[in-house]
Amino acid sequence: MNGQNRQNITPGLVVNIVLKKDQRSGKLTRGKVKDILTNSAYHPHGIKVRLEDGQVGRVKEIVQNQEEQK
């Protein structure tokens, strides 16, 4: 699942993001969502989030959905 819709992303979700410094290469970083930084319901490049380790980037794909976490 892609990360363009805000409604699909919740704190605690495991996601792959692309950091600002990695936008050219497209290198993905995996982590758990701590905060959702994008206010709009949709963003074509992915919803911007802060991971639990403090890194900020745009969600490219959701690795684990809410049903799998329970």
N, C-alpha and C. Protein backbone atom coordinates (compact mmCIF):
# COMPACT_ATOMS: atom_id res chain seq x y z
N MET A 1 0.86 -1.18 0.00
CA MET A 1 0.00 0.00 0.00
C MET A 1 0.89 1.24 0.00
N ASN A 2 0.53 2.23 -0.79
CA ASN A 2 1.35 3.43 -0.85
C ASN A 2 1.00 4.39 0.30
N GLY A 3 1.79 5.41 0.47
CA GLY A 3 1.61 6.33 1.59
C GLY A 3 1.10 7.69 1.19
N GLN A 4 0.23 7.77 0.18
CA GLN A 4 -0.25 9.06 -0.29
C GLN A 4 -1.51 9.53 0.44
N ASN A 5 -2.25 8.63 1.08
CA ASN A 5 -3.47 8.99 1.79
C ASN A 5 -3.23 8.99 3.29
N ARG A 6 -3.53 10.13 3.91
CA ARG A 6 -3.28 10.32 5.34
C ARG A 6 -4.08 9.33 6.19
N GLN A 7 -5.29 8.98 5.74
CA GLN A 7 -6.15 8.09 6.52
C GLN A 7 -5.57 6.70 6.70
N ASN A 8 -4.63 6.30 5.82
CA ASN A 8 -4.02 4.97 5.91
C ASN A 8 -2.85 4.92 6.90
N ILE A 9 -2.43 6.07 7.41
CA ILE A 9 -1.23 6.14 8.24
C ILE A 9 -1.60 6.53 9.67
N THR A 10 -1.13 5.73 10.62
CA THR A 10 -1.38 6.00 12.03
C THR A 10 -0.09 5.82 12.81
N PRO A 11 0.05 6.50 13.96
CA PRO A 11 1.24 6.30 14.78
C PRO A 11 1.39 4.83 15.17
N GLY A 12 2.63 4.34 15.14
CA GLY A 12 2.92 2.96 15.47
C GLY A 12 3.00 2.04 14.27
N LEU A 13 2.61 2.56 13.10
CA LEU A 13 2.63 1.78 11.86
C LEU A 13 4.07 1.65 11.36
N VAL A 14 4.44 0.48 10.83
CA VAL A 14 5.76 0.28 10.24
C VAL A 14 5.68 0.67 8.77
N VAL A 15 6.55 1.61 8.36
CA VAL A 15 6.51 2.15 7.00
C VAL A 15 7.92 2.27 6.42
N ASN A 16 8.00 2.38 5.11
CA ASN A 16 9.24 2.73 4.42
C ASN A 16 9.10 4.18 3.97
N ILE A 17 10.08 5.01 4.34
CA ILE A 17 10.06 6.42 3.94
C ILE A 17 11.30 6.73 3.11
N VAL A 18 11.23 7.83 2.37
CA VAL A 18 12.41 8.35 1.69
C VAL A 18 12.77 9.65 2.39
N LEU A 19 14.01 9.73 2.87
CA LEU A 19 14.51 10.93 3.53
C LEU A 19 14.82 11.99 2.50
N LYS A 20 14.86 13.25 2.91
CA LYS A 20 15.17 14.37 2.00
C LYS A 20 16.50 14.12 1.28
N LYS A 21 17.51 13.69 2.03
CA LYS A 21 18.84 13.48 1.45
C LYS A 21 18.87 12.31 0.47
N ASP A 22 17.87 11.41 0.55
CA ASP A 22 17.84 10.23 -0.30
C ASP A 22 16.84 10.33 -1.45
N GLN A 23 16.28 11.51 -1.67
CA GLN A 23 15.26 11.65 -2.71
C GLN A 23 15.79 11.34 -4.10
N ARG A 24 17.03 11.71 -4.39
CA ARG A 24 17.59 11.45 -5.72
C ARG A 24 17.81 9.96 -5.95
N SER A 25 18.33 9.27 -4.93
CA SER A 25 18.61 7.84 -5.07
C SER A 25 17.38 6.98 -4.85
N GLY A 26 16.42 7.49 -4.09
CA GLY A 26 15.21 6.73 -3.80
C GLY A 26 15.41 5.69 -2.70
N LYS A 27 16.52 5.79 -1.96
CA LYS A 27 16.81 4.84 -0.88
C LYS A 27 15.72 4.94 0.19
N LEU A 28 15.21 3.79 0.62
CA LEU A 28 14.15 3.76 1.61
C LEU A 28 14.70 3.48 3.00
N THR A 29 14.04 4.05 4.00
CA THR A 29 14.38 3.85 5.40
C THR A 29 13.13 3.31 6.10
N ARG A 30 13.29 2.22 6.85
CA ARG A 30 12.14 1.61 7.53
C ARG A 30 12.09 2.04 8.98
N GLY A 31 10.89 2.27 9.49
CA GLY A 31 10.72 2.61 10.89
C GLY A 31 9.26 2.70 11.27
N LYS A 32 9.03 2.97 12.56
CA LYS A 32 7.67 3.13 13.08
C LYS A 32 7.31 4.60 13.13
N VAL A 33 6.09 4.91 12.72
CA VAL A 33 5.59 6.29 12.70
C VAL A 33 5.39 6.78 14.13
N LYS A 34 5.95 7.96 14.42
CA LYS A 34 5.72 8.62 15.70
C LYS A 34 4.71 9.74 15.52
N ASP A 35 4.94 10.62 14.53
CA ASP A 35 4.06 11.77 14.27
C ASP A 35 3.77 11.87 12.78
N ILE A 36 2.55 12.33 12.46
CA ILE A 36 2.19 12.63 11.08
C ILE A 36 2.31 14.14 10.91
N LEU A 37 3.15 14.57 9.95
CA LEU A 37 3.46 15.99 9.80
C LEU A 37 2.64 16.67 8.70
N THR A 38 2.12 15.91 7.75
CA THR A 38 1.32 16.48 6.66
C THR A 38 -0.11 16.65 7.15
N ASN A 39 -0.68 17.85 6.95
CA ASN A 39 -2.04 18.12 7.39
C ASN A 39 -3.10 17.73 6.36
N SER A 40 -2.75 17.78 5.07
CA SER A 40 -3.73 17.48 4.03
C SER A 40 -4.04 15.99 3.99
N ALA A 41 -5.21 15.64 3.45
CA ALA A 41 -5.66 14.25 3.39
C ALA A 41 -4.89 13.44 2.36
N TYR A 42 -4.30 14.12 1.36
CA TYR A 42 -3.59 13.43 0.27
C TYR A 42 -2.37 14.24 -0.13
N HIS A 43 -1.28 13.55 -0.44
CA HIS A 43 -0.10 14.22 -0.99
C HIS A 43 0.51 13.30 -2.05
N PRO A 44 0.72 13.81 -3.28
CA PRO A 44 1.19 12.95 -4.38
C PRO A 44 2.56 12.32 -4.15
N HIS A 45 3.41 12.94 -3.33
CA HIS A 45 4.75 12.39 -3.08
C HIS A 45 4.81 11.58 -1.80
N GLY A 46 3.70 11.46 -1.09
CA GLY A 46 3.67 10.71 0.16
C GLY A 46 3.47 11.62 1.36
N ILE A 47 2.80 11.10 2.36
CA ILE A 47 2.55 11.84 3.60
C ILE A 47 3.85 11.95 4.38
N LYS A 48 4.17 13.15 4.85
CA LYS A 48 5.41 13.35 5.61
C LYS A 48 5.19 12.93 7.07
N VAL A 49 6.12 12.12 7.57
CA VAL A 49 6.02 11.62 8.94
C VAL A 49 7.37 11.74 9.66
N ARG A 50 7.30 11.68 10.99
CA ARG A 50 8.51 11.57 11.82
C ARG A 50 8.51 10.17 12.41
N LEU A 51 9.63 9.47 12.25
CA LEU A 51 9.75 8.13 12.82
C LEU A 51 10.11 8.21 14.29
N GLU A 52 9.99 7.09 15.00
CA GLU A 52 10.31 7.05 16.43
C GLU A 52 11.76 7.41 16.71
N ASP A 53 12.66 7.19 15.73
CA ASP A 53 14.07 7.55 15.93
C ASP A 53 14.38 9.00 15.54
N GLY A 54 13.34 9.77 15.15
CA GLY A 54 13.50 11.18 14.87
C GLY A 54 13.69 11.55 13.41
N GLN A 55 13.88 10.57 12.53
CA GLN A 55 14.06 10.86 11.11
C GLN A 55 12.74 11.29 10.48
N VAL A 56 12.82 12.23 9.53
CA VAL A 56 11.63 12.76 8.86
C VAL A 56 11.72 12.47 7.37
N GLY A 57 10.60 11.99 6.82
CA GLY A 57 10.56 11.72 5.39
C GLY A 57 9.15 11.45 4.93
N ARG A 58 9.01 11.17 3.64
CA ARG A 58 7.69 10.91 3.05
C ARG A 58 7.47 9.40 2.91
N VAL A 59 6.28 8.95 3.28
CA VAL A 59 5.94 7.53 3.24
C VAL A 59 5.82 7.07 1.79
N LYS A 60 6.59 6.07 1.43
CA LYS A 60 6.52 5.48 0.09
C LYS A 60 5.68 4.21 0.12
N GLU A 61 5.77 3.45 1.19
CA GLU A 61 4.93 2.25 1.30
C GLU A 61 4.70 1.90 2.75
N ILE A 62 3.54 1.31 3.00
CA ILE A 62 3.19 0.84 4.34
C ILE A 62 3.56 -0.64 4.40
N VAL A 63 4.42 -0.98 5.36
CA VAL A 63 4.93 -2.33 5.47
C VAL A 63 3.96 -3.21 6.23
N GLN A 64 3.39 -2.68 7.29
CA GLN A 64 2.53 -3.47 8.17
C GLN A 64 1.26 -2.68 8.44
N ASN A 65 0.09 -3.25 8.14
CA ASN A 65 -1.15 -2.52 8.39
C ASN A 65 -1.67 -2.78 9.80
N GLN A 66 -2.71 -2.08 10.18
CA GLN A 66 -3.23 -2.14 11.55
C GLN A 66 -3.69 -3.55 11.93
N GLU A 67 -4.31 -4.29 11.00
CA GLU A 67 -4.81 -5.63 11.31
C GLU A 67 -3.66 -6.59 11.66
N GLU A 68 -2.52 -6.46 10.97
CA GLU A 68 -1.38 -7.33 11.21
C GLU A 68 -0.72 -7.04 12.55
N GLN A 69 -0.86 -5.81 13.06
CA GLN A 69 -0.22 -5.45 14.32
C GLN A 69 -0.91 -6.04 15.52
N LYS A 70 -2.21 -6.34 15.40
CA LYS A 70 -2.99 -6.82 16.55
C LYS A 70 -2.79 -8.29 16.79
